[in-house]
N, C-alpha and C. Protein backbone atom coordinates (compact mmCIF):
# COMPACT_ATOMS: atom_id res chain seq x y z
N MET A 1 -24.07 30.49 19.88
CA MET A 1 -23.68 31.73 20.31
C MET A 1 -25.06 32.45 20.66
N ILE A 2 -24.92 33.25 21.88
CA ILE A 2 -26.10 33.90 22.46
C ILE A 2 -26.07 35.13 21.77
N VAL A 3 -27.31 35.44 21.19
CA VAL A 3 -27.56 36.64 20.57
C VAL A 3 -27.64 38.00 21.58
N ASN A 4 -26.95 39.04 21.21
CA ASN A 4 -26.93 40.08 22.04
C ASN A 4 -28.23 41.06 21.64
N THR A 5 -29.26 40.71 22.29
CA THR A 5 -30.49 41.54 21.77
C THR A 5 -30.46 42.93 22.53
N PRO A 6 -31.23 43.75 21.83
CA PRO A 6 -31.50 45.05 22.55
C PRO A 6 -32.55 44.97 23.76
N PRO A 7 -32.70 46.02 24.49
CA PRO A 7 -33.68 45.86 25.45
C PRO A 7 -35.21 45.61 25.02
N PRO A 8 -35.76 44.89 25.60
CA PRO A 8 -37.30 44.65 25.06
C PRO A 8 -37.95 45.97 24.82
N PRO A 9 -39.05 45.87 23.99
CA PRO A 9 -39.62 44.81 23.54
C PRO A 9 -39.08 44.30 22.11
N TYR A 10 -38.96 42.95 21.90
CA TYR A 10 -38.80 42.41 20.60
C TYR A 10 -39.24 41.05 20.66
N TYR A 11 -39.30 40.39 19.65
CA TYR A 11 -40.08 39.17 19.42
C TYR A 11 -39.20 38.08 18.99
N ALA A 12 -39.62 36.75 19.37
CA ALA A 12 -38.73 35.59 19.12
C ALA A 12 -39.64 34.59 18.28
N VAL A 13 -39.09 34.20 17.20
CA VAL A 13 -39.66 33.07 16.46
C VAL A 13 -38.80 31.82 16.72
N ILE A 14 -39.68 30.63 17.19
CA ILE A 14 -39.10 29.48 17.42
C ILE A 14 -39.35 28.36 16.31
N PHE A 15 -38.33 27.82 15.76
CA PHE A 15 -38.65 26.67 14.70
C PHE A 15 -38.05 25.47 15.04
N THR A 16 -38.85 24.38 15.20
CA THR A 16 -38.29 23.14 15.46
C THR A 16 -38.21 22.16 14.37
N SER A 17 -37.28 21.20 14.40
CA SER A 17 -37.22 20.24 13.28
C SER A 17 -36.81 18.75 13.83
N VAL A 18 -37.07 17.92 13.15
CA VAL A 18 -36.75 16.64 13.54
C VAL A 18 -35.72 15.91 12.29
N ARG A 19 -34.55 15.78 12.74
CA ARG A 19 -33.59 15.30 11.86
C ARG A 19 -33.66 13.82 11.42
N THR A 20 -33.50 13.48 10.22
CA THR A 20 -33.57 12.15 9.60
C THR A 20 -32.10 11.64 9.30
N GLU A 21 -32.05 10.43 9.01
CA GLU A 21 -30.74 10.00 8.37
C GLU A 21 -30.38 10.66 7.15
N GLY A 22 -29.02 11.11 7.12
CA GLY A 22 -28.54 11.82 5.81
C GLY A 22 -29.02 13.41 5.92
N ASP A 23 -28.14 14.19 5.47
CA ASP A 23 -28.31 15.57 5.67
C ASP A 23 -29.35 16.01 4.47
N GLU A 24 -29.20 15.52 3.34
CA GLU A 24 -30.12 15.72 2.22
C GLU A 24 -30.17 17.33 1.89
N GLY A 25 -28.92 18.05 2.12
CA GLY A 25 -29.00 19.35 1.90
C GLY A 25 -29.58 20.45 2.96
N TYR A 26 -29.88 19.74 4.08
CA TYR A 26 -30.65 20.53 5.14
C TYR A 26 -29.53 21.64 5.61
N ALA A 27 -28.35 21.21 6.04
CA ALA A 27 -27.44 22.12 6.51
C ALA A 27 -27.29 23.33 5.78
N ALA A 28 -27.00 23.08 4.50
CA ALA A 28 -26.69 24.12 3.61
C ALA A 28 -27.91 25.08 3.42
N MET A 29 -29.16 24.59 3.33
CA MET A 29 -30.37 25.37 3.18
C MET A 29 -30.46 26.02 4.62
N ALA A 30 -30.31 25.58 5.75
CA ALA A 30 -30.32 26.27 6.95
C ALA A 30 -29.36 27.48 7.02
N ASP A 31 -28.07 27.35 6.39
CA ASP A 31 -27.13 28.47 6.41
C ASP A 31 -27.48 29.54 5.62
N THR A 32 -28.09 29.04 4.43
CA THR A 32 -28.56 30.01 3.32
C THR A 32 -29.72 30.90 3.92
N MET A 33 -30.77 30.27 4.69
CA MET A 33 -31.82 31.00 5.31
C MET A 33 -31.32 31.79 6.33
N GLU A 34 -30.35 31.37 7.21
CA GLU A 34 -29.83 32.38 8.19
C GLU A 34 -29.14 33.52 7.65
N GLU A 35 -28.36 33.35 6.48
CA GLU A 35 -27.73 34.48 5.90
C GLU A 35 -28.67 35.41 5.18
N LEU A 36 -29.89 34.95 4.69
CA LEU A 36 -30.90 35.62 3.99
C LEU A 36 -31.62 36.40 5.10
N ALA A 37 -32.09 35.70 6.34
CA ALA A 37 -32.88 36.42 7.41
C ALA A 37 -31.84 37.71 7.82
N ALA A 38 -30.56 37.42 7.93
CA ALA A 38 -29.78 38.52 8.60
C ALA A 38 -29.79 39.82 7.63
N THR A 39 -30.37 39.72 6.40
CA THR A 39 -30.35 40.72 5.45
C THR A 39 -31.80 41.49 5.70
N GLN A 40 -32.81 40.89 6.33
CA GLN A 40 -34.07 41.49 6.41
C GLN A 40 -34.06 42.64 7.38
N PRO A 41 -34.94 43.59 7.09
CA PRO A 41 -35.34 44.65 8.27
C PRO A 41 -35.90 43.95 9.37
N GLY A 42 -35.38 44.47 10.54
CA GLY A 42 -35.78 43.95 11.81
C GLY A 42 -35.12 42.69 12.52
N TYR A 43 -34.39 42.11 11.51
CA TYR A 43 -33.71 40.92 12.17
C TYR A 43 -32.70 41.39 13.30
N LEU A 44 -32.67 40.62 14.36
CA LEU A 44 -31.70 41.10 15.51
C LEU A 44 -30.66 39.95 15.81
N GLY A 45 -30.98 38.62 15.38
CA GLY A 45 -30.06 37.59 15.63
C GLY A 45 -30.70 36.14 15.53
N MET A 46 -29.99 35.15 15.73
CA MET A 46 -30.42 33.82 15.75
C MET A 46 -29.60 32.94 16.64
N GLU A 47 -30.36 31.92 17.34
CA GLU A 47 -29.65 31.06 18.13
C GLU A 47 -29.93 29.59 17.72
N HIS A 48 -29.11 28.60 17.92
CA HIS A 48 -29.58 27.23 17.57
C HIS A 48 -28.95 26.14 18.49
N ALA A 49 -29.89 25.11 18.40
CA ALA A 49 -29.46 23.89 19.35
C ALA A 49 -29.92 22.79 18.36
N ARG A 50 -28.95 21.94 17.92
CA ARG A 50 -29.11 20.86 17.10
C ARG A 50 -28.56 19.61 17.52
N ASN A 51 -29.59 18.59 17.46
CA ASN A 51 -28.94 17.14 17.63
C ASN A 51 -29.97 16.38 16.83
N ASN A 52 -30.62 15.43 17.43
CA ASN A 52 -31.83 14.77 16.69
C ASN A 52 -33.04 15.70 16.50
N ILE A 53 -33.18 16.49 17.45
CA ILE A 53 -34.22 17.58 17.20
C ILE A 53 -33.47 18.87 17.22
N GLY A 54 -33.85 19.70 16.16
CA GLY A 54 -33.23 20.89 16.06
C GLY A 54 -34.24 22.10 16.57
N VAL A 55 -33.64 23.15 17.33
CA VAL A 55 -34.34 24.29 17.73
C VAL A 55 -33.60 25.42 17.24
N SER A 56 -34.29 26.26 16.54
CA SER A 56 -33.80 27.76 16.18
C SER A 56 -34.71 28.68 16.64
N VAL A 57 -33.99 29.78 17.11
CA VAL A 57 -34.72 30.96 17.75
C VAL A 57 -34.26 32.19 16.93
N SER A 58 -35.04 32.88 16.27
CA SER A 58 -34.73 34.19 15.51
C SER A 58 -35.34 35.32 16.47
N TYR A 59 -34.75 36.33 16.50
CA TYR A 59 -35.17 37.54 16.99
C TYR A 59 -35.43 38.66 16.19
N TRP A 60 -36.70 39.27 16.42
CA TRP A 60 -37.17 40.39 15.51
C TRP A 60 -37.79 41.62 16.18
N SER A 61 -37.45 42.79 15.64
CA SER A 61 -37.96 43.96 16.10
C SER A 61 -39.43 44.19 16.25
N SER A 62 -40.22 43.61 15.38
CA SER A 62 -41.55 43.79 15.36
C SER A 62 -42.32 42.56 14.58
N LEU A 63 -43.60 42.59 14.88
CA LEU A 63 -44.33 41.56 14.32
C LEU A 63 -44.37 41.68 12.76
N GLU A 64 -44.50 42.91 12.29
CA GLU A 64 -44.41 43.22 10.86
C GLU A 64 -43.38 42.62 10.13
N ASP A 65 -42.09 42.86 10.75
CA ASP A 65 -40.79 42.10 10.23
C ASP A 65 -40.93 40.69 10.15
N ILE A 66 -41.48 40.02 11.16
CA ILE A 66 -41.74 38.69 11.20
C ILE A 66 -42.57 38.36 9.97
N LYS A 67 -43.72 38.84 9.83
CA LYS A 67 -44.67 38.73 8.73
C LYS A 67 -43.91 38.70 7.37
N ASN A 68 -43.24 39.85 7.19
CA ASN A 68 -42.38 39.93 5.95
C ASN A 68 -41.43 38.84 5.84
N TRP A 69 -40.85 38.39 6.97
CA TRP A 69 -39.79 37.33 6.62
C TRP A 69 -40.57 36.00 6.24
N LYS A 70 -41.68 35.85 6.92
CA LYS A 70 -42.52 34.73 6.55
C LYS A 70 -42.98 34.67 5.07
N GLN A 71 -43.15 35.78 4.50
CA GLN A 71 -43.69 35.87 3.34
C GLN A 71 -42.59 36.02 2.19
N ASN A 72 -41.14 36.17 2.53
CA ASN A 72 -40.13 36.14 1.73
C ASN A 72 -40.22 34.97 0.84
N ALA A 73 -39.95 35.22 -0.56
CA ALA A 73 -40.14 34.00 -1.49
C ALA A 73 -39.17 33.05 -1.43
N ASP A 74 -37.86 33.27 -1.11
CA ASP A 74 -36.92 32.22 -1.00
C ASP A 74 -37.02 31.56 0.33
N HIS A 75 -37.49 32.10 1.43
CA HIS A 75 -37.91 31.53 2.65
C HIS A 75 -39.06 30.59 2.44
N LEU A 76 -40.16 31.08 1.68
CA LEU A 76 -41.18 30.15 1.35
C LEU A 76 -40.71 28.72 0.67
N ALA A 77 -39.90 29.03 -0.24
CA ALA A 77 -39.46 27.90 -1.19
C ALA A 77 -38.56 26.86 -0.36
N ALA A 78 -37.90 27.41 0.85
CA ALA A 78 -37.18 26.54 1.67
C ALA A 78 -37.99 25.58 2.37
């Protein structure tokens, strides 16, 4: 799904991953992190493309919001 972002300025964070054989809980953790991100101040939405290589782009209102998400304890543990 394409995110309906507000007019700029806003920020994008790009996360890439290389998938391996077996899910080993990756999909469930990715879903949990997306749900958690959606509750964070400044979160605007997320887009994904996944195959052997995964690309996720999350959109944020400010650099401070990104910093806070990066420091979220559950996010760090993931």
